[in-house]
Amino acid sequence: LAADGAGELKMIPSYVYSLPTGSETGLFYALDLGGTNFRVLRVQLGGKDKRVVDTESEQVSIPKEIMHGTTEELFDFIASRLSKFVAMEGGNFQLQEGRKREIGFTFSFPVKQTSIDSGILIKWTKGFAVSGTAGKDVVACLNAAMERQGLDMSVSALVNDTVGALAGAHYWDEDVMVAVILGTGTNACYIERTESIPKLQHLGLGTGNTIINTEWGAFSDGLPLTEFDKDMDAESINPGEQVKHLWFARLSIHLLILMSCSAFNAGRYLRRQFLGCTLEKLFGGCWPGWLKSLICSVTLSLTN
C-alpha cells in the first residue's frame, strides 16, 4: 500500500469509495469479462422495499480465435452480443425518463486504474493473448466498440470481479468486508481505510473507505514449483505470470481423484498414498498441517 511495486502483492486501488446500500432504484446493466466466457446482465432495482424486481442474463462463449485476436475483434464481438441483449429489453425493465443506459464493466485482468471509469491493461492472463490491448484503457476500447455497433450506452464503472462480488454481497449485507474468487483464476479484495493507503494520499481523500484489489493470483515468488508446474507454465499463453493458479489447479485435481477413488471404497488406501508420498512430492515436502487434516477428514468421511 506504500507505493506501486513496493511489495510482492500489487494491492491495486479500485477507486470505489462507496458501496450499494439496497436503496438503489432503476435499470442497470453489467458486463462480466474474466475468462473463456463473458456474461451480460440487466437488473431492475426497486429500492429497500422491492429490492431486485427482475433480472436477466446471458452467457457467451468466446471463440479461441477471438481470445488470440486483436483488440478490435474482441471488443467488437462483445459489443455486438451486448447490443442484441439490449434489444430484447422489455417487461419489468424500464429505463427512467431522461437517463442514458449505463453499464458496469467487470474486468478480471490486471489493470492500473486512475479513476472509477478508466483502467489501463497491464497484461492479459487466463489464456488470453489479444494483441494491441496492453497499455490501453479498456473502458475506452469498450465504449468505442459500442459506438461502432450503434449502441447508445457508456461504461460508468470499471471493477475487478472480486470488487464486483464484494459490492454485490454488500448490497444485501453491509457487514461484508472481503471477497474471494476461485475460478479460472483466483483473487481477493477487501475494504481498507483510505488514510491507511500512502500511495493514495496525494488525492486528498481524507477519511473514508475504499476497496483494495490484492491480485494475489500473481503471488508466487519463493514458493516451490514441481517439474509438472514448470511444464504447464512453459506451455501456457503467458509463461511466468500468475503461477499460483497452478497450485489451486493441482490441489483441485488431486482432491477430485481422492473423492472418486473413495467412491469405490478405496479411501483408506488412497489416504496412505497421499500422506505417504504423493503430496510430499507435489508440495515439495513442505505443505501445511491444515491440508493434511483436511485430506484425512475428507477421506474418512467418504470411506464411511
Protein backbone atom coordinates (compact mmCIF):
# COMPACT_ATOMS: atom_id res chain seq x y z
CA LEU A 1 0.00 0.00 0.00
CA ALA A 2 3.01 2.30 0.34
CA ALA A 3 3.76 2.57 -3.38
CA ASP A 4 3.32 0.67 -6.64
CA GLY A 5 5.83 -2.18 -6.79
CA ALA A 6 6.74 -1.86 -3.10
CA GLY A 7 5.63 -5.40 -2.21
CA GLU A 8 5.03 -8.85 -3.66
CA LEU A 9 1.30 -8.16 -3.99
CA LYS A 10 0.12 -5.44 -6.38
CA MET A 11 -2.59 -4.12 -3.99
CA ILE A 12 -4.35 -2.14 -6.72
CA PRO A 13 -6.76 0.62 -5.60
CA SER A 14 -10.25 0.18 -7.07
CA TYR A 15 -11.31 3.85 -6.79
CA VAL A 16 -14.59 2.59 -5.36
CA TYR A 17 -15.38 4.85 -2.40
CA SER A 18 -19.00 3.88 -1.78
CA LEU A 19 -20.89 0.61 -1.96
CA PRO A 20 -24.53 -0.36 -2.61
CA THR A 21 -26.89 0.04 0.32
CA GLY A 22 -30.04 -1.57 -1.06
CA SER A 23 -31.82 1.75 -1.63
CA GLU A 24 -30.88 1.93 -5.34
CA THR A 25 -33.67 2.17 -7.94
CA GLY A 26 -33.73 1.93 -11.72
CA LEU A 27 -32.43 -0.18 -14.60
CA PHE A 28 -28.79 -1.24 -14.52
CA TYR A 29 -26.61 -3.24 -16.92
CA ALA A 30 -23.42 -5.19 -16.24
CA LEU A 31 -20.77 -6.92 -18.32
CA ASP A 32 -18.51 -9.54 -16.74
CA LEU A 33 -15.35 -10.44 -18.68
CA GLY A 34 -12.89 -12.64 -16.86
CA GLY A 35 -12.40 -15.96 -18.57
CA THR A 36 -13.33 -18.03 -21.59
CA ASN A 37 -16.91 -16.74 -21.30
CA PHE A 38 -18.39 -13.34 -20.70
CA ARG A 39 -21.77 -12.54 -19.18
CA VAL A 40 -24.17 -9.66 -19.76
CA LEU A 41 -26.86 -8.86 -17.24
CA ARG A 42 -29.64 -6.37 -16.60
CA VAL A 43 -31.40 -5.80 -13.32
CA GLN A 44 -34.33 -3.64 -12.27
CA LEU A 45 -33.93 -2.44 -8.70
CA GLY A 46 -36.84 -1.18 -6.60
CA GLY A 47 -35.19 0.24 -3.50
CA LYS A 48 -35.33 -1.04 0.07
CA ASP A 49 -38.89 -2.32 -0.23
CA LYS A 50 -38.80 -4.20 -3.55
CA ARG A 51 -35.03 -4.78 -3.85
CA VAL A 52 -34.48 -6.84 -7.04
CA VAL A 53 -37.62 -6.51 -9.16
CA ASP A 54 -36.33 -8.59 -12.06
CA THR A 55 -33.09 -9.76 -13.62
CA GLU A 56 -31.97 -11.34 -16.89
CA SER A 57 -28.57 -12.54 -18.02
CA GLU A 58 -26.86 -14.24 -20.93
CA GLN A 59 -23.54 -16.07 -21.03
CA VAL A 60 -21.48 -16.08 -24.21
CA SER A 61 -18.52 -18.32 -25.02
CA ILE A 62 -15.53 -16.50 -26.53
CA PRO A 63 -14.04 -18.31 -29.55
CA LYS A 64 -10.35 -19.13 -29.26
CA GLU A 65 -9.52 -17.09 -32.35
CA ILE A 66 -11.04 -14.04 -30.65
CA MET A 67 -9.04 -14.71 -27.46
CA HIS A 68 -5.89 -14.69 -29.59
CA GLY A 69 -7.00 -11.97 -32.00
CA THR A 70 -6.87 -8.16 -31.95
CA THR A 71 -8.30 -5.62 -29.53
CA GLU A 72 -10.95 -4.50 -32.01
CA GLU A 73 -12.02 -8.09 -32.75
CA LEU A 74 -12.52 -8.89 -29.06
CA PHE A 75 -14.42 -5.75 -28.09
CA ASP A 76 -16.48 -5.69 -31.30
CA PHE A 77 -17.52 -9.29 -30.58
CA ILE A 78 -18.56 -8.33 -27.04
CA ALA A 79 -20.36 -5.15 -28.12
CA SER A 80 -22.32 -6.96 -30.85
CA ARG A 81 -23.66 -9.54 -28.39
CA LEU A 82 -24.39 -6.81 -25.85
CA SER A 83 -26.33 -4.85 -28.48
CA LYS A 84 -28.52 -7.88 -29.22
CA PHE A 85 -29.11 -8.38 -25.50
CA VAL A 86 -30.17 -4.74 -25.00
CA ALA A 87 -32.55 -5.03 -27.97
CA MET A 88 -34.52 -7.70 -26.06
CA GLU A 89 -35.20 -5.33 -23.15
CA GLY A 90 -38.86 -5.24 -22.07
CA GLY A 91 -41.31 -6.48 -19.47
CA ASN A 92 -40.35 -5.33 -15.98
CA PHE A 93 -37.29 -3.46 -17.26
CA GLN A 94 -37.87 0.27 -17.60
CA LEU A 95 -35.28 2.98 -18.16
CA GLN A 96 -36.05 6.15 -16.24
CA GLU A 97 -37.04 9.05 -18.47
CA GLY A 98 -34.14 11.28 -19.44
CA ARG A 99 -31.49 8.75 -18.42
CA LYS A 100 -28.94 7.13 -20.70
CA ARG A 101 -28.19 3.44 -20.37
CA GLU A 102 -25.02 2.84 -18.40
CA ILE A 103 -23.13 -0.37 -17.80
CA GLY A 104 -20.80 -1.58 -15.08
CA PHE A 105 -17.78 -3.37 -16.53
CA THR A 106 -16.28 -6.21 -14.50
CA PHE A 107 -12.85 -6.83 -15.99
CA SER A 108 -10.92 -9.61 -14.25
CA PHE A 109 -7.43 -8.91 -15.54
CA PRO A 110 -4.62 -6.79 -14.06
CA VAL A 111 -5.27 -3.12 -14.80
CA LYS A 112 -3.85 0.14 -13.50
CA GLN A 113 -6.81 2.30 -12.60
CA THR A 114 -6.67 6.07 -12.33
CA SER A 115 -10.41 6.60 -11.82
CA ILE A 116 -13.61 4.63 -11.39
CA ASP A 117 -14.28 4.62 -15.14
CA SER A 118 -10.86 4.08 -16.67
CA GLY A 119 -8.16 1.43 -16.45
CA ILE A 120 -5.00 0.62 -18.37
CA LEU A 121 -4.49 -3.08 -19.07
CA ILE A 122 -1.20 -4.25 -17.56
CA LYS A 123 -1.20 -7.67 -19.21
CA TRP A 124 -3.52 -10.44 -20.32
CA THR A 125 -3.79 -13.64 -18.27
CA LYS A 126 -6.05 -16.74 -18.18
CA GLY A 127 -5.20 -17.85 -21.70
CA PHE A 128 -5.88 -14.53 -23.43
CA ALA A 129 -3.30 -13.25 -25.91
CA VAL A 130 -5.12 -10.33 -27.53
CA SER A 131 -2.72 -8.08 -29.40
CA GLY A 132 -2.63 -4.32 -29.05
CA THR A 133 -4.53 -4.03 -25.74
CA ALA A 134 -1.75 -3.85 -23.14
CA GLY A 135 -1.16 -0.22 -22.24
CA LYS A 136 -4.61 0.86 -23.44
CA ASP A 137 -7.69 1.96 -21.50
CA VAL A 138 -10.09 -1.00 -21.67
CA VAL A 139 -13.07 1.26 -20.91
CA ALA A 140 -12.24 3.39 -23.94
CA CYS A 141 -11.92 0.20 -26.01
CA LEU A 142 -15.39 -0.97 -24.97
CA ASN A 143 -17.00 2.47 -25.39
CA ALA A 144 -15.55 2.72 -28.90
CA ALA A 145 -16.83 -0.76 -29.79
CA MET A 146 -20.34 0.07 -28.53
CA GLU A 147 -20.30 3.24 -30.62
CA ARG A 148 -19.30 1.23 -33.69
CA GLN A 149 -22.29 -1.04 -33.04
CA GLY A 150 -24.63 1.95 -32.75
CA LEU A 151 -25.33 1.16 -29.09
CA ASP A 152 -26.21 4.26 -27.05
CA MET A 153 -24.58 3.13 -23.81
CA SER A 154 -21.45 4.04 -21.85
CA VAL A 155 -19.36 2.46 -19.10
CA SER A 156 -20.00 4.08 -15.72
CA ALA A 157 -17.67 1.93 -13.61
CA LEU A 158 -14.76 -0.46 -14.14
CA VAL A 159 -14.19 -3.05 -11.42
CA ASN A 160 -12.36 -6.31 -10.89
CA ASP A 161 -14.51 -9.44 -10.41
CA THR A 162 -13.61 -9.57 -6.73
CA VAL A 163 -14.68 -5.96 -6.28
CA GLY A 164 -17.93 -6.74 -8.09
CA ALA A 165 -18.52 -9.75 -5.83
CA LEU A 166 -17.92 -7.63 -2.74
CA ALA A 167 -20.25 -4.89 -3.98
CA GLY A 168 -22.97 -7.43 -4.77
CA ALA A 169 -22.72 -9.03 -1.34
CA HIS A 170 -22.65 -5.60 0.35
CA TYR A 171 -25.99 -4.82 -1.31
CA TRP A 172 -27.55 -7.47 0.93
CA ASP A 173 -25.27 -7.30 3.99
CA GLU A 174 -23.36 -4.13 4.91
CA ASP A 175 -21.05 -6.13 7.20
CA VAL A 176 -19.33 -7.81 4.23
CA MET A 177 -15.67 -6.71 4.12
CA VAL A 178 -13.84 -9.32 1.97
CA ALA A 179 -14.49 -11.15 -1.31
CA VAL A 180 -12.56 -14.11 -2.75
CA ILE A 181 -12.72 -15.57 -6.27
CA LEU A 182 -11.82 -19.21 -7.00
CA GLY A 183 -12.49 -19.84 -10.69
CA THR A 184 -10.46 -19.65 -13.89
CA GLY A 185 -8.09 -17.67 -11.68
CA THR A 186 -8.03 -16.70 -8.02
CA ASN A 187 -8.03 -13.29 -6.36
CA ALA A 188 -9.25 -11.39 -3.32
CA CYS A 189 -10.20 -7.85 -2.35
CA TYR A 190 -11.07 -6.13 0.91
CA ILE A 191 -12.26 -2.82 2.32
CA GLU A 192 -9.43 -0.59 3.58
CA ARG A 193 -9.34 2.83 5.26
CA THR A 194 -8.17 5.46 2.78
CA GLU A 195 -5.89 7.06 5.37
CA SER A 196 -4.00 3.73 5.58
CA ILE A 197 -3.04 3.82 1.89
CA PRO A 198 0.07 6.02 1.44
CA LYS A 199 0.03 5.78 -2.36
CA LEU A 200 -3.39 7.48 -2.44
CA GLN A 201 -2.61 10.35 -0.07
CA HIS A 202 -1.87 12.74 -2.95
CA LEU A 203 -5.56 12.57 -3.89
CA GLY A 204 -6.57 14.26 -0.62
CA LEU A 205 -9.36 11.78 0.08
CA GLY A 206 -9.35 12.29 3.84
CA THR A 207 -11.16 9.70 5.93
CA GLY A 208 -13.33 7.00 4.44
CA ASN A 209 -13.05 3.56 2.90
CA THR A 210 -12.11 2.09 -0.45
CA ILE A 211 -11.64 -1.39 -1.87
CA ILE A 212 -8.17 -2.82 -2.49
CA ASN A 213 -7.73 -5.46 -5.20
CA THR A 214 -4.85 -7.65 -3.94
CA GLU A 215 -4.16 -9.51 -7.23
CA TRP A 216 -2.89 -12.39 -5.10
CA GLY A 217 -3.03 -14.71 -8.12
CA ALA A 218 0.31 -13.16 -9.13
CA PHE A 219 1.90 -14.02 -5.77
CA SER A 220 4.38 -16.82 -6.44
CA ASP A 221 7.91 -15.71 -5.55
CA GLY A 222 9.61 -18.06 -3.10
CA LEU A 223 7.04 -20.84 -3.35
CA PRO A 224 8.14 -24.32 -4.52
CA LEU A 225 7.46 -25.40 -8.10
CA THR A 226 7.32 -29.03 -9.19
CA GLU A 227 8.54 -30.18 -12.58
CA PHE A 228 4.89 -30.50 -13.63
CA ASP A 229 4.19 -26.89 -12.66
CA LYS A 230 7.15 -25.75 -14.73
CA ASP A 231 5.99 -27.78 -17.73
CA MET A 232 2.45 -26.39 -17.51
CA ASP A 233 3.74 -22.85 -17.10
CA ALA A 234 6.07 -23.19 -20.09
CA GLU A 235 3.16 -24.32 -22.27
CA SER A 236 0.80 -21.55 -21.13
CA ILE A 237 -0.06 -18.46 -23.15
CA ASN A 238 1.54 -16.21 -20.51
CA PRO A 239 4.60 -18.09 -19.12
CA GLY A 240 5.82 -16.90 -15.74
CA GLU A 241 2.65 -14.98 -14.95
CA GLN A 242 0.31 -15.85 -12.09
CA VAL A 243 1.93 -19.20 -11.40
CA LYS A 244 -0.03 -19.57 -8.19
CA HIS A 245 -3.06 -20.64 -10.23
CA LEU A 246 -1.16 -23.90 -10.79
CA TRP A 247 -1.25 -24.70 -7.08
CA PHE A 248 -5.04 -24.32 -6.99
CA ALA A 249 -5.44 -26.47 -10.11
CA ARG A 250 -3.11 -29.10 -8.66
CA LEU A 251 -4.94 -29.24 -5.33
CA SER A 252 -8.37 -29.37 -7.00
CA ILE A 253 -7.38 -32.22 -9.32
CA HIS A 254 -5.98 -34.37 -6.55
CA LEU A 255 -8.94 -33.77 -4.27
CA LEU A 256 -11.20 -34.88 -7.14
CA ILE A 257 -9.10 -38.02 -7.57
CA LEU A 258 -9.38 -38.61 -3.85
CA MET A 259 -13.17 -38.31 -3.89
CA SER A 260 -13.56 -40.54 -6.97
CA CYS A 261 -11.42 -43.32 -5.54
CA SER A 262 -13.22 -43.13 -2.21
CA ALA A 263 -16.47 -43.77 -4.04
CA PHE A 264 -15.02 -47.21 -4.85
CA ASN A 265 -14.24 -47.80 -1.17
CA ALA A 266 -10.54 -47.12 -1.71
CA GLY A 267 -10.36 -44.13 0.61
CA ARG A 268 -8.09 -45.65 3.24
CA TYR A 269 -5.60 -46.86 0.66
CA LEU A 270 -5.55 -43.54 -1.18
CA ARG A 271 -5.13 -41.62 2.07
CA ARG A 272 -1.97 -43.58 2.80
CA GLN A 273 -0.71 -42.87 -0.71
CA PHE A 274 -1.39 -39.16 -0.35
CA LEU A 275 0.09 -38.83 3.10
CA GLY A 276 2.98 -41.18 2.45
CA CYS A 277 4.34 -39.92 -0.83
CA THR A 278 2.13 -38.14 -3.36
CA LEU A 279 1.50 -34.88 -1.53
CA GLU A 280 5.06 -34.86 -0.21
CA LYS A 281 6.29 -34.82 -3.80
CA LEU A 282 3.63 -32.47 -5.15
CA PHE A 283 4.20 -29.89 -2.43
CA GLY A 284 7.96 -30.22 -2.29
CA GLY A 285 7.92 -31.79 1.17
CA CYS A 286 6.53 -28.57 2.63
CA TRP A 287 2.76 -28.42 2.90
CA PRO A 288 0.54 -27.09 5.72
CA GLY A 289 -0.87 -29.17 8.53
CA TRP A 290 -4.41 -27.98 7.85
CA LEU A 291 -4.27 -29.61 4.41
CA LYS A 292 -3.12 -32.90 5.90
CA SER A 293 -6.04 -32.77 8.35
CA LEU A 294 -8.44 -31.94 5.52
CA ILE A 295 -7.28 -34.91 3.42
CA CYS A 296 -7.68 -37.25 6.40
CA SER A 297 -11.10 -35.84 7.26
CA VAL A 298 -12.50 -35.95 3.72
CA THR A 299 -11.15 -39.44 3.07
CA LEU A 300 -12.53 -40.78 6.35
CA SER A 301 -15.96 -39.27 5.65
CA LEU A 302 -16.11 -40.70 2.14
CA THR A 303 -14.89 -44.11 3.28
CA ASN A 304 -17.54 -44.25 5.99
